[in-house]
Protein backbone atom coordinates (compact mmCIF):
# COMPACT_ATOMS: atom_id res chain seq x y z
CA UNK A 1 9.22 93.58 123.08
CA UNK A 2 8.12 91.87 119.98
CA UNK A 3 9.65 94.74 118.26
CA UNK A 4 12.72 94.52 119.44
CA UNK A 5 13.42 90.94 119.00
CA UNK A 6 12.91 91.02 114.99
CA UNK A 7 15.03 94.44 114.74
CA UNK A 8 17.96 92.08 117.06
CA UNK A 9 17.55 89.14 114.34
CA UNK A 10 17.39 91.40 111.81
CA UNK A 11 20.36 93.41 112.66
CA UNK A 12 23.68 91.77 110.98
CA UNK A 13 25.84 93.52 113.90
CA UNK A 14 23.61 91.95 116.83
CA UNK A 15 26.00 88.87 116.29
CA UNK A 16 24.74 86.35 119.19
CA UNK A 17 22.17 88.55 121.23
CA UNK A 18 18.73 86.78 121.85
CA UNK A 19 17.66 83.70 120.74
CA UNK A 20 16.56 84.60 117.23
CA UNK A 21 19.92 86.06 116.63
CA UNK A 22 21.84 83.23 117.45
CA UNK A 23 19.83 81.22 115.11
CA UNK A 24 20.69 83.97 112.30
CA UNK A 25 23.80 84.60 112.39
CA UNK A 26 26.74 83.33 114.14
CA UNK A 27 27.30 79.79 112.77
CA UNK A 28 27.04 81.46 109.43
CA UNK A 29 29.75 84.15 110.54
CA UNK A 30 31.67 81.53 112.16
CA UNK A 31 32.02 79.47 109.18
CA UNK A 32 32.54 81.88 106.84
CA UNK A 33 35.53 83.32 109.54
CA UNK A 34 36.96 80.06 109.37
CA UNK A 35 36.56 79.65 105.17
CA UNK A 36 38.66 83.03 105.21
CA UNK A 37 41.49 81.91 107.63
CA UNK A 38 41.60 78.95 105.87
CA UNK A 39 42.45 81.33 102.72
CA UNK A 40 44.74 82.99 104.01
CA UNK A 41 46.24 80.42 105.91
CA UNK A 42 47.16 78.35 102.67
CA UNK A 43 47.65 81.39 100.64
CA UNK A 44 50.68 82.14 103.55
CA UNK A 45 51.91 78.41 102.40
CA UNK A 46 51.98 79.27 98.85
CA UNK A 47 54.14 82.33 99.33
CA UNK A 48 56.23 80.46 102.07
CA UNK A 49 56.88 78.10 99.34
CA UNK A 50 57.58 80.59 96.73
CA UNK A 51 59.81 82.20 98.63
CA UNK A 52 61.58 79.05 99.89
CA UNK A 53 61.84 77.83 96.10
CA UNK A 54 63.96 81.40 95.40
CA UNK A 55 65.85 81.64 98.40
CA UNK A 56 67.25 77.66 97.21
CA UNK A 57 67.70 79.34 94.02
CA UNK A 58 69.68 82.05 95.00
CA UNK A 59 71.67 79.86 97.25
CA UNK A 60 72.28 77.21 94.51
CA UNK A 61 73.46 80.40 92.29
CA UNK A 62 75.56 81.49 94.95
CA UNK A 63 77.07 77.65 95.29
CA UNK A 64 77.75 77.91 91.43
CA UNK A 65 79.72 81.24 91.64
CA UNK A 66 81.80 80.02 94.91
CA UNK A 67 82.78 76.83 93.55
CA UNK A 68 83.91 78.91 89.95
CA UNK A 69 86.10 81.04 92.21
CA UNK A 70 87.67 78.25 94.06
CA UNK A 71 88.22 76.50 90.71
CA UNK A 72 90.08 79.87 89.40
CA UNK A 73 91.70 80.22 92.47
CA UNK A 74 93.19 76.55 92.64
CA UNK A 75 93.89 76.92 88.73
CA UNK A 76 95.97 80.22 89.82
CA UNK A 77 97.93 78.48 92.78
CA UNK A 78 98.72 75.85 90.29
CA UNK A 79 100.14 78.61 87.74
CA UNK A 80 102.22 80.29 90.77
CA UNK A 81 103.21 77.54 91.55
CA UNK A 82 105.64 77.29 89.03
CA UNK A 83 107.19 80.57 89.77
CA UNK A 84 107.31 79.61 93.44
CA UNK A 85 109.53 76.18 91.83
CA UNK A 86 111.96 78.94 90.30
CA UNK A 87 112.28 81.14 93.32
CA UNK A 88 111.89 79.40 96.39
CA UNK A 89 112.44 75.94 95.77
CA UNK A 90 110.48 72.79 94.49
CA UNK A 91 109.45 71.77 98.28
CA UNK A 92 107.36 74.96 98.40
CA UNK A 93 105.92 74.84 94.71
CA UNK A 94 104.68 71.28 96.10
CA UNK A 95 102.96 73.27 98.99
CA UNK A 96 101.30 74.95 96.61
CA UNK A 97 99.82 72.44 94.51
CA UNK A 98 98.64 70.65 97.02
CA UNK A 99 96.68 73.84 98.22
CA UNK A 100 95.55 74.25 94.96
CA UNK A 101 94.45 70.33 94.89
CA UNK A 102 92.99 70.78 98.92
CA UNK A 103 90.81 73.45 96.81
CA UNK A 104 90.01 71.88 93.63
CA UNK A 105 88.43 69.18 95.83
CA UNK A 106 86.69 71.41 98.14
CA UNK A 107 85.23 73.04 95.12
CA UNK A 108 84.59 69.49 93.69
CA UNK A 109 82.68 68.39 97.21
CA UNK A 110 80.61 71.42 96.85
CA UNK A 111 79.68 71.16 93.27
CA UNK A 112 78.45 67.58 94.67
CA UNK A 113 75.98 68.59 97.46
CA UNK A 114 72.59 70.11 97.17
CA UNK A 115 71.89 72.75 99.30
CA UNK A 116 69.85 71.95 101.78
CA UNK A 117 72.64 68.94 102.28
CA UNK A 118 75.28 71.55 102.63
CA UNK A 119 72.62 73.64 104.91
CA UNK A 120 72.32 70.93 107.48
CA UNK A 121 75.97 70.10 107.75
CA UNK A 122 76.45 73.61 108.71
CA UNK A 123 73.69 73.51 111.16
CA UNK A 124 75.29 70.60 113.02
CA UNK A 125 78.90 71.58 112.67
CA UNK A 126 77.61 74.69 114.14
CA UNK A 127 75.96 72.53 117.34
CA UNK A 128 78.84 70.67 117.83
CA UNK A 129 81.28 73.43 117.87
CA UNK A 130 80.00 76.19 118.45
CA UNK A 131 83.08 78.03 119.65
CA UNK A 132 84.46 77.52 116.44
CA UNK A 133 81.93 78.99 114.47
CA UNK A 134 81.72 81.54 116.24
CA UNK A 135 85.45 82.36 115.91
CA UNK A 136 85.10 81.79 112.22
CA UNK A 137 82.55 83.82 111.42
CA UNK A 138 84.49 86.71 113.96
CA UNK A 139 87.39 86.08 111.42
CA UNK A 140 85.27 86.08 108.04
CA UNK A 141 83.42 89.40 108.97
CA UNK A 142 87.16 90.80 109.79
CA UNK A 143 88.45 89.71 106.28
CA UNK A 144 85.30 91.33 105.12
CA UNK A 145 85.73 94.34 106.55
CA UNK A 146 89.45 95.09 105.52
CA UNK A 147 88.34 94.33 102.15
CA UNK A 148 85.61 95.99 101.86
CA UNK A 149 87.65 98.94 102.91
CA UNK A 150 90.67 98.61 101.07
CA UNK A 151 88.11 98.77 97.58
CA UNK A 152 86.67 101.95 99.23
CA UNK A 153 90.30 103.31 99.89
CA UNK A 154 91.42 102.11 96.48
CA UNK A 155 87.74 104.26 94.76
CA UNK A 156 88.78 106.70 97.05
CA UNK A 157 92.18 107.38 95.22
CA UNK A 158 91.45 106.77 91.71
CA UNK A 159 88.96 109.41 91.93
CA UNK A 160 91.38 111.74 93.73
CA UNK A 161 88.87 112.83 96.72
CA UNK A 162 91.04 111.00 99.43
CA UNK A 163 93.58 113.25 100.68
CA UNK A 164 94.16 115.14 104.53
CA UNK A 165 92.82 118.25 105.08
CA UNK A 166 96.02 119.82 104.63
CA UNK A 167 96.04 118.68 100.72
CA UNK A 168 92.68 121.17 100.21
CA UNK A 169 93.39 124.55 99.14
CA UNK A 170 90.41 126.92 99.45
CA UNK A 171 90.07 129.89 97.14
CA UNK A 172 88.04 133.15 97.82
CA UNK A 173 85.46 133.15 95.18
CA UNK A 174 85.91 134.87 92.16
CA UNK A 175 89.39 135.69 92.99
CA UNK A 176 91.02 132.83 90.27
CA UNK A 177 94.18 131.31 91.18
CA UNK A 178 96.45 134.63 91.84
CA UNK A 179 97.76 135.48 95.64
CA UNK A 180 95.20 135.52 98.18
CA UNK A 181 94.12 139.26 99.10
CA UNK A 182 93.67 139.91 103.00
CA UNK A 183 91.10 141.35 104.41
CA UNK A 184 90.06 144.90 104.15
CA UNK A 185 91.75 145.05 100.87
CA UNK A 186 90.44 144.79 97.29
CA UNK A 187 92.30 143.65 93.70
CA UNK A 188 92.10 145.76 90.94
């Protein structure tokens, strides 16, 4: 019996078996596990912080690109306002200028806010009026799908790959562009 107690105490896999086993390794293993779990938790926290910083960096870059694009749209509208004046009248040209000013003002307000602040405002908007947020998301999704589809159609037209099955002509291999041979005949 004394040999079994000694074997259990010396066995690292015995864990908390017997009085000698619990005094020998149970407390140390818990401390080591706690230290390991703390280390893992700390590392996970560091990675989460790094990921958050990267996401905010990407969002900041996206915000800058969006404000630049809005500025370009506003400038194009101001330029087009002169043509609208000539073709439709000064009243309609003024509408175009007002729209351009509104877009430029929106771009300036975006530029003046931090990404965290914009995310907070978007969250509050969705909480206050979820129906409008869902409708807006659906409309933007529809527009995005149409833009992508038109881009794909345009790319297919440029490379000559779009067309119907009637447009495709298949010729037998080795016969060239001459008249097609009927089955059972050979060309000389």
